[in-house]
C-alpha cells in the first residue's frame, strides 16, 4: 500500500475537524500515524482502509 495515499487520506480526514490548511500533527506524529494505519491494514486485510484511517485519526484526536 502506498504511503502517499494514506497521508492524503489522513489530511482529508483532519479537514473534518480543523481548517483546511491546519494540521494538528507534526511530521513525526504523522509518520507514526501512517505506520499504525499500515500495520492495522496488514493485520486485518479485509478492513476498509477508509474506516481504518478515520478510526485512527479520531483516536489520535481524542486519545
Protein backbone atom coordinates (compact mmCIF):
# COMPACT_ATOMS: atom_id res chain seq x y z
CA UNK A 1 0.00 0.00 0.00
CA UNK A 2 1.29 3.41 -0.86
CA UNK A 3 2.18 5.76 1.97
CA UNK A 4 1.31 8.84 -0.08
CA UNK A 5 -2.29 7.68 -0.39
CA UNK A 6 -2.57 7.14 3.36
CA UNK A 7 -1.05 10.56 4.10
CA UNK A 8 -3.54 12.19 1.74
CA UNK A 9 -6.40 10.33 3.37
CA UNK A 10 -5.21 11.41 6.84
CA UNK A 11 -5.02 15.04 5.76
CA UNK A 12 -8.51 14.85 4.26
CA UNK A 13 -9.81 13.30 7.45
CA UNK A 14 -8.30 16.08 9.58
CA UNK A 15 -10.19 18.61 7.45
CA UNK A 16 -13.37 17.42 9.16
CA UNK A 17 -12.04 18.72 12.46
CA UNK A 18 -9.71 21.61 11.53
CA UNK A 19 -9.38 24.38 8.98
CA UNK A 20 -8.25 23.27 5.52
CA UNK A 21 -4.56 24.14 5.84
CA UNK A 22 -4.19 23.37 9.52
CA UNK A 23 -2.77 20.03 10.60
CA UNK A 24 -2.61 19.29 14.34
CA UNK A 25 0.32 16.88 13.88
CA UNK A 26 4.00 17.29 13.20
CA UNK A 27 5.94 15.11 10.76
CA UNK A 28 6.97 12.66 13.49
CA UNK A 29 3.38 12.10 14.65
CA UNK A 30 2.14 11.89 11.08
CA UNK A 31 4.71 9.20 10.29
CA UNK A 32 3.71 7.25 13.41
CA UNK A 33 0.04 7.52 12.44
CA UNK A 34 0.77 6.30 8.91
CA UNK A 35 2.74 3.35 10.26
CA UNK A 36 -0.07 2.40 12.67
CA UNK A 37 -2.62 2.54 9.85
CA UNK A 38 -0.48 0.43 7.53
CA UNK A 39 0.21 -2.09 10.31
CA UNK A 40 -3.50 -2.36 11.12
CA UNK A 41 -4.32 -2.83 7.46
CA UNK A 42 -1.67 -5.57 7.17
CA UNK A 43 -3.05 -7.34 10.24
CA UNK A 44 -6.65 -7.01 9.03
CA UNK A 45 -6.54 -7.21 5.21
CA UNK A 46 -10.34 -7.23 4.93
CA UNK A 47 -10.68 -3.97 6.84
CA UNK A 48 -11.75 -0.95 4.80
CA UNK A 49 -8.84 1.50 4.53
CA UNK A 50 -11.17 4.50 4.76
CA UNK A 51 -12.60 3.22 8.06
CA UNK A 52 -9.16 2.40 9.46
CA UNK A 53 -7.90 5.92 8.66
CA UNK A 54 -10.98 7.57 10.16
CA UNK A 55 -10.78 5.44 13.30
CA UNK A 56 -7.08 6.12 13.80
CA UNK A 57 -7.45 9.88 13.25
CA UNK A 58 -10.36 10.02 15.67
CA UNK A 59 -8.39 8.00 18.21
CA UNK A 60 -5.40 10.34 17.75
CA UNK A 61 -7.54 13.43 18.35
CA UNK A 62 -9.40 12.07 21.35
CA UNK A 63 -6.69 9.92 22.87
